[in-house]
Amino acid sequence: MTGNLPIAAGFGNGTGAPAGYLFATLVRTVFSVYAAAMLLVTAVLAYFESTSPRRRSG
């Protein structure tokens, strides 16, 4: 987000800069929640895969 401030101030009067920070905060929050959920799902699936009985063919 630091790189966005010169662009927001250079191509206008800078009134849109707070909205840019708010948007970046929302995007990063959604991404972090999604990443944490995927880690949890992966851990749960790995647990159930390790505890499930194996089927033997033949």
PDB file of N, CA and C in Angstrom:
ATOM      1  N   MET A   1       0.809  -1.192   0.000  1.00  0.00           N
ATOM      2  CA  MET A   1       0.000   0.000   0.000  1.00  0.00           C
ATOM      3  C   MET A   1       0.847   1.248   0.000  1.00  0.00           C
ATOM      4  N   THR A   2       2.076   1.135   0.426  1.00  0.00           N
ATOM      5  CA  THR A   2       2.943   2.308   0.470  1.00  0.00           C
ATOM      6  C   THR A   2       3.182   2.866  -0.921  1.00  0.00           C
ATOM      7  N   GLY A   3       3.272   1.997  -1.918  1.00  0.00           N
ATOM      8  CA  GLY A   3       3.493   2.452  -3.284  1.00  0.00           C
ATOM      9  C   GLY A   3       2.285   3.135  -3.889  1.00  0.00           C
ATOM     10  N   ASN A   4       1.127   2.998  -3.298  1.00  0.00           N
ATOM     11  CA  ASN A   4      -0.093   3.588  -3.834  1.00  0.00           C
ATOM     12  C   ASN A   4      -0.236   5.063  -3.454  1.00  0.00           C
ATOM     13  N   LEU A   5       0.370   5.475  -2.376  1.00  0.00           N
ATOM     14  CA  LEU A   5       0.197   6.844  -1.904  1.00  0.00           C
ATOM     15  C   LEU A   5       0.720   7.882  -2.897  1.00  0.00           C
ATOM     16  N   PRO A   6       1.910   7.737  -3.476  1.00  0.00           N
ATOM     17  CA  PRO A   6       2.344   8.731  -4.462  1.00  0.00           C
ATOM     18  C   PRO A   6       1.442   8.795  -5.688  1.00  0.00           C
ATOM     19  N   ILE A   7       0.898   7.666  -6.090  1.00  0.00           N
ATOM     20  CA  ILE A   7      -0.009   7.658  -7.236  1.00  0.00           C
ATOM     21  C   ILE A   7      -1.309   8.378  -6.889  1.00  0.00           C
ATOM     22  N   ALA A   8      -1.857   8.117  -5.697  1.00  0.00           N
ATOM     23  CA  ALA A   8      -3.106   8.760  -5.287  1.00  0.00           C
ATOM     24  C   ALA A   8      -2.923  10.258  -5.130  1.00  0.00           C
ATOM     25  N   ALA A   9      -1.785  10.683  -4.624  1.00  0.00           N
ATOM     26  CA  ALA A   9      -1.551  12.111  -4.437  1.00  0.00           C
ATOM     27  C   ALA A   9      -1.139  12.787  -5.733  1.00  0.00           C
ATOM     28  N   GLY A  10      -0.480  12.061  -6.623  1.00  0.00           N
ATOM     29  CA  GLY A  10       0.009  12.653  -7.864  1.00  0.00           C
ATOM     30  C   GLY A  10      -1.060  12.831  -8.924  1.00  0.00           C
ATOM     31  N   PHE A  11      -2.034  11.931  -8.972  1.00  0.00           N
ATOM     32  CA  PHE A  11      -3.089  12.002  -9.984  1.00  0.00           C
ATOM     33  C   PHE A  11      -4.384  12.548  -9.407  1.00  0.00           C
ATOM     34  N   GLY A  12      -4.294  13.538  -8.626  1.00  0.00           N
ATOM     35  CA  GLY A  12      -5.482  14.145  -8.039  1.00  0.00           C
ATOM     36  C   GLY A  12      -5.087  14.948  -6.825  1.00  0.00           C
ATOM     37  N   ASN A  13      -6.070  15.283  -6.046  1.00  0.00           N
ATOM     38  CA  ASN A  13      -5.769  16.080  -4.856  1.00  0.00           C
ATOM     39  C   ASN A  13      -5.575  15.218  -3.612  1.00  0.00           C
ATOM     40  N   GLY A  14      -5.583  13.905  -3.750  1.00  0.00           N
ATOM     41  CA  GLY A  14      -5.316  13.020  -2.619  1.00  0.00           C
ATOM     42  C   GLY A  14      -6.524  12.659  -1.791  1.00  0.00           C
ATOM     43  N   THR A  15      -7.712  13.081  -2.211  1.00  0.00           N
ATOM     44  CA  THR A  15      -8.901  12.771  -1.405  1.00  0.00           C
ATOM     45  C   THR A  15      -9.276  11.297  -1.491  1.00  0.00           C
ATOM     46  N   GLY A  16      -8.826  10.602  -2.519  1.00  0.00           N
ATOM     47  CA  GLY A  16      -9.141   9.173  -2.645  1.00  0.00           C
ATOM     48  C   GLY A  16      -8.173   8.267  -1.908  1.00  0.00           C
ATOM     49  N   ALA A  17      -7.116   8.833  -1.328  1.00  0.00           N
ATOM     50  CA  ALA A  17      -6.113   8.014  -0.636  1.00  0.00           C
ATOM     51  C   ALA A  17      -6.698   7.233   0.547  1.00  0.00           C
ATOM     52  N   PRO A  18      -7.532   7.817   1.397  1.00  0.00           N
ATOM     53  CA  PRO A  18      -8.106   7.016   2.490  1.00  0.00           C
ATOM     54  C   PRO A  18      -8.953   5.846   1.991  1.00  0.00           C
ATOM     55  N   ALA A  19      -9.661   6.052   0.901  1.00  0.00           N
ATOM     56  CA  ALA A  19     -10.456   4.955   0.342  1.00  0.00           C
ATOM     57  C   ALA A  19      -9.544   3.840  -0.166  1.00  0.00           C
ATOM     58  N   GLY A  20      -8.390   4.216  -0.718  1.00  0.00           N
ATOM     59  CA  GLY A  20      -7.429   3.208  -1.161  1.00  0.00           C
ATOM     60  C   GLY A  20      -6.903   2.380  -0.008  1.00  0.00           C
ATOM     61  N   TYR A  21      -6.615   3.038   1.110  1.00  0.00           N
ATOM     62  CA  TYR A  21      -6.163   2.314   2.289  1.00  0.00           C
ATOM     63  C   TYR A  21      -7.261   1.407   2.836  1.00  0.00           C
ATOM     64  N   LEU A  22      -8.486   1.872   2.831  1.00  0.00           N
ATOM     65  CA  LEU A  22      -9.598   1.046   3.302  1.00  0.00           C
ATOM     66  C   LEU A  22      -9.786  -0.170   2.405  1.00  0.00           C
ATOM     67  N   PHE A  23      -9.723   0.038   1.106  1.00  0.00           N
ATOM     68  CA  PHE A  23      -9.869  -1.080   0.168  1.00  0.00           C
ATOM     69  C   PHE A  23      -8.747  -2.095   0.352  1.00  0.00           C
ATOM     70  N   ALA A  24      -7.512  -1.624   0.487  1.00  0.00           N
ATOM     71  CA  ALA A  24      -6.382  -2.535   0.679  1.00  0.00           C
ATOM     72  C   ALA A  24      -6.513  -3.306   1.994  1.00  0.00           C
ATOM     73  N   THR A  25      -7.007  -2.640   3.023  1.00  0.00           N
ATOM     74  CA  THR A  25      -7.212  -3.315   4.303  1.00  0.00           C
ATOM     75  C   THR A  25      -8.253  -4.421   4.177  1.00  0.00           C
ATOM     76  N   LEU A  26      -9.338  -4.141   3.481  1.00  0.00           N
ATOM     77  CA  LEU A  26     -10.383  -5.152   3.291  1.00  0.00           C
ATOM     78  C   LEU A  26      -9.873  -6.341   2.488  1.00  0.00           C
ATOM     79  N   VAL A  27      -9.125  -6.067   1.426  1.00  0.00           N
ATOM     80  CA  VAL A  27      -8.595  -7.155   0.597  1.00  0.00           C
ATOM     81  C   VAL A  27      -7.627  -8.019   1.400  1.00  0.00           C
ATOM     82  N   ARG A  28      -6.753  -7.399   2.145  1.00  0.00           N
ATOM     83  CA  ARG A  28      -5.784  -8.166   2.934  1.00  0.00           C
ATOM     84  C   ARG A  28      -6.475  -8.951   4.050  1.00  0.00           C
ATOM     85  N   THR A  29      -7.535  -8.410   4.629  1.00  0.00           N
ATOM     86  CA  THR A  29      -8.269  -9.124   5.668  1.00  0.00           C
ATOM     87  C   THR A  29      -8.954 -10.358   5.104  1.00  0.00           C
ATOM     88  N   VAL A  30      -9.610 -10.188   3.959  1.00  0.00           N
ATOM     89  CA  VAL A  30     -10.275 -11.329   3.321  1.00  0.00           C
ATOM     90  C   VAL A  30      -9.248 -12.398   2.950  1.00  0.00           C
ATOM     91  N   PHE A  31      -8.120 -11.992   2.402  1.00  0.00           N
ATOM     92  CA  PHE A  31      -7.092 -12.953   2.031  1.00  0.00           C
ATOM     93  C   PHE A  31      -6.556 -13.696   3.251  1.00  0.00           C
ATOM     94  N   SER A  32      -6.315 -13.000   4.347  1.00  0.00           N
ATOM     95  CA  SER A  32      -5.757 -13.659   5.525  1.00  0.00           C
ATOM     96  C   SER A  32      -6.749 -14.634   6.149  1.00  0.00           C
ATOM     97  N   VAL A  33      -8.030 -14.281   6.155  1.00  0.00           N
ATOM     98  CA  VAL A  33      -9.047 -15.194   6.677  1.00  0.00           C
ATOM     99  C   VAL A  33      -9.142 -16.433   5.786  1.00  0.00           C
ATOM    100  N   TYR A  34      -9.096 -16.236   4.473  1.00  0.00           N
ATOM    101  CA  TYR A  34      -9.149 -17.357   3.537  1.00  0.00           C
ATOM    102  C   TYR A  34      -7.927 -18.257   3.707  1.00  0.00           C
ATOM    103  N   ALA A  35      -6.744 -17.675   3.846  1.00  0.00           N
ATOM    104  CA  ALA A  35      -5.525 -18.460   4.002  1.00  0.00           C
ATOM    105  C   ALA A  35      -5.556 -19.264   5.301  1.00  0.00           C
ATOM    106  N   ALA A  36      -6.024 -18.666   6.373  1.00  0.00           N
ATOM    107  CA  ALA A  36      -6.122 -19.381   7.645  1.00  0.00           C
ATOM    108  C   ALA A  36      -7.132 -20.518   7.558  1.00  0.00           C
ATOM    109  N   ALA A  37      -8.236 -20.295   6.861  1.00  0.00           N
ATOM    110  CA  ALA A  37      -9.241 -21.347   6.702  1.00  0.00           C
ATOM    111  C   ALA A  37      -8.687 -22.504   5.878  1.00  0.00           C
ATOM    112  N   MET A  38      -7.903 -22.212   4.848  1.00  0.00           N
ATOM    113  CA  MET A  38      -7.331 -23.276   4.030  1.00  0.00           C
ATOM    114  C   MET A  38      -6.307 -24.087   4.822  1.00  0.00           C
ATOM    115  N   LEU A  39      -5.555 -23.445   5.693  1.00  0.00           N
ATOM    116  CA  LEU A  39      -4.630 -24.189   6.552  1.00  0.00           C
ATOM    117  C   LEU A  39      -5.389 -25.118   7.490  1.00  0.00           C
ATOM    118  N   LEU A  40      -6.496 -24.642   8.027  1.00  0.00           N
ATOM    119  CA  LEU A  40      -7.298 -25.462   8.927  1.00  0.00           C
ATOM    120  C   LEU A  40      -7.906 -26.642   8.186  1.00  0.00           C
ATOM    121  N   VAL A  41      -8.454 -26.399   7.002  1.00  0.00           N
ATOM    122  CA  VAL A  41      -9.065 -27.471   6.216  1.00  0.00           C
ATOM    123  C   VAL A  41      -8.018 -28.506   5.846  1.00  0.00           C
ATOM    124  N   THR A  42      -6.835 -28.070   5.447  1.00  0.00           N
ATOM    125  CA  THR A  42      -5.766 -28.997   5.082  1.00  0.00           C
ATOM    126  C   THR A  42      -5.358 -29.849   6.276  1.00  0.00           C
ATOM    127  N   ALA A  43      -5.260 -29.232   7.450  1.00  0.00           N
ATOM    128  CA  ALA A  43      -4.878 -29.983   8.647  1.00  0.00           C
ATOM    129  C   ALA A  43      -5.960 -31.002   9.013  1.00  0.00           C
ATOM    130  N   VAL A  44      -7.211 -30.626   8.901  1.00  0.00           N
ATOM    131  CA  VAL A  44      -8.307 -31.547   9.233  1.00  0.00           C
ATOM    132  C   VAL A  44      -8.345 -32.705   8.245  1.00  0.00           C
ATOM    133  N   LEU A  45      -8.183 -32.411   6.958  1.00  0.00           N
ATOM    134  CA  LEU A  45      -8.186 -33.479   5.959  1.00  0.00           C
ATOM    135  C   LEU A  45      -7.002 -34.416   6.141  1.00  0.00           C
ATOM    136  N   ALA A  46      -5.852 -33.874   6.483  1.00  0.00           N
ATOM    137  CA  ALA A  46      -4.680 -34.718   6.727  1.00  0.00           C
ATOM    138  C   ALA A  46      -4.909 -35.623   7.937  1.00  0.00           C
ATOM    139  N   TYR A  47      -5.571 -35.113   8.960  1.00  0.00           N
ATOM    140  CA  TYR A  47      -5.861 -35.921  10.143  1.00  0.00           C
ATOM    141  C   TYR A  47      -6.797 -37.068   9.781  1.00  0.00           C
ATOM    142  N   PHE A  48      -7.878 -36.770   9.063  1.00  0.00           N
ATOM    143  CA  PHE A  48      -8.822 -37.824   8.725  1.00  0.00           C
ATOM    144  C   PHE A  48      -8.221 -38.830   7.755  1.00  0.00           C
ATOM    145  N   GLU A  49      -7.334 -38.387   6.880  1.00  0.00           N
ATOM    146  CA  GLU A  49      -6.684 -39.321   5.974  1.00  0.00           C
ATOM    147  C   GLU A  49      -5.747 -40.251   6.733  1.00  0.00           C
ATOM    148  N   SER A  50      -5.091 -39.743   7.753  1.00  0.00           N
ATOM    149  CA  SER A  50      -4.147 -40.577   8.506  1.00  0.00           C
ATOM    150  C   SER A  50      -4.868 -41.542   9.446  1.00  0.00           C
ATOM    151  N   THR A  51      -6.103 -41.237   9.821  1.00  0.00           N
ATOM    152  CA  THR A  51      -6.818 -42.117  10.754  1.00  0.00           C
ATOM    153  C   THR A  51      -7.823 -43.022  10.058  1.00  0.00           C
ATOM    154  N   SER A  52      -8.012 -42.876   8.763  1.00  0.00           N
ATOM    155  CA  SER A  52      -9.007 -43.695   8.069  1.00  0.00           C
ATOM    156  C   SER A  52      -8.431 -45.089   7.804  1.00  0.00           C
ATOM    157  N   PRO A  53      -9.291 -46.109   7.867  1.00  0.00           N
ATOM    158  CA  PRO A  53      -8.812 -47.459   7.569  1.00  0.00           C
ATOM    159  C   PRO A  53      -8.491 -47.594   6.074  1.00  0.00           C
ATOM    160  N   ARG A  54      -7.467 -48.342   5.770  1.00  0.00           N
ATOM    161  CA  ARG A  54      -7.061 -48.536   4.377  1.00  0.00           C
ATOM    162  C   ARG A  54      -7.822 -49.706   3.776  1.00  0.00           C
ATOM    163  N   ARG A  55      -8.259 -49.536   2.552  1.00  0.00           N
ATOM    164  CA  ARG A  55      -8.924 -50.627   1.828  1.00  0.00           C
ATOM    165  C   ARG A  55      -7.860 -51.423   1.093  1.00  0.00           C
ATOM    166  N   ARG A  56      -7.972 -52.713   1.185  1.00  0.00           N
ATOM    167  CA  ARG A  56      -7.013 -53.573   0.502  1.00  0.00           C
ATOM    168  C   ARG A  56      -7.714 -54.271  -0.647  1.00  0.00           C
ATOM    169  N   SER A  57      -7.074 -54.246  -1.782  1.00  0.00           N
ATOM    170  CA  SER A  57      -7.686 -54.918  -2.938  1.00  0.00           C
ATOM    171  C   SER A  57      -7.184 -56.362  -2.999  1.00  0.00           C
ATOM    172  N   GLY A  58      -8.086 -57.252  -3.319  1.00  0.00           N
ATOM    173  CA  GLY A  58      -7.689 -58.634  -3.525  1.00  0.00           C
ATOM    174  C   GLY A  58      -7.941 -59.490  -2.415  1.00  0.00           C
TER     175      GLY A  58
END
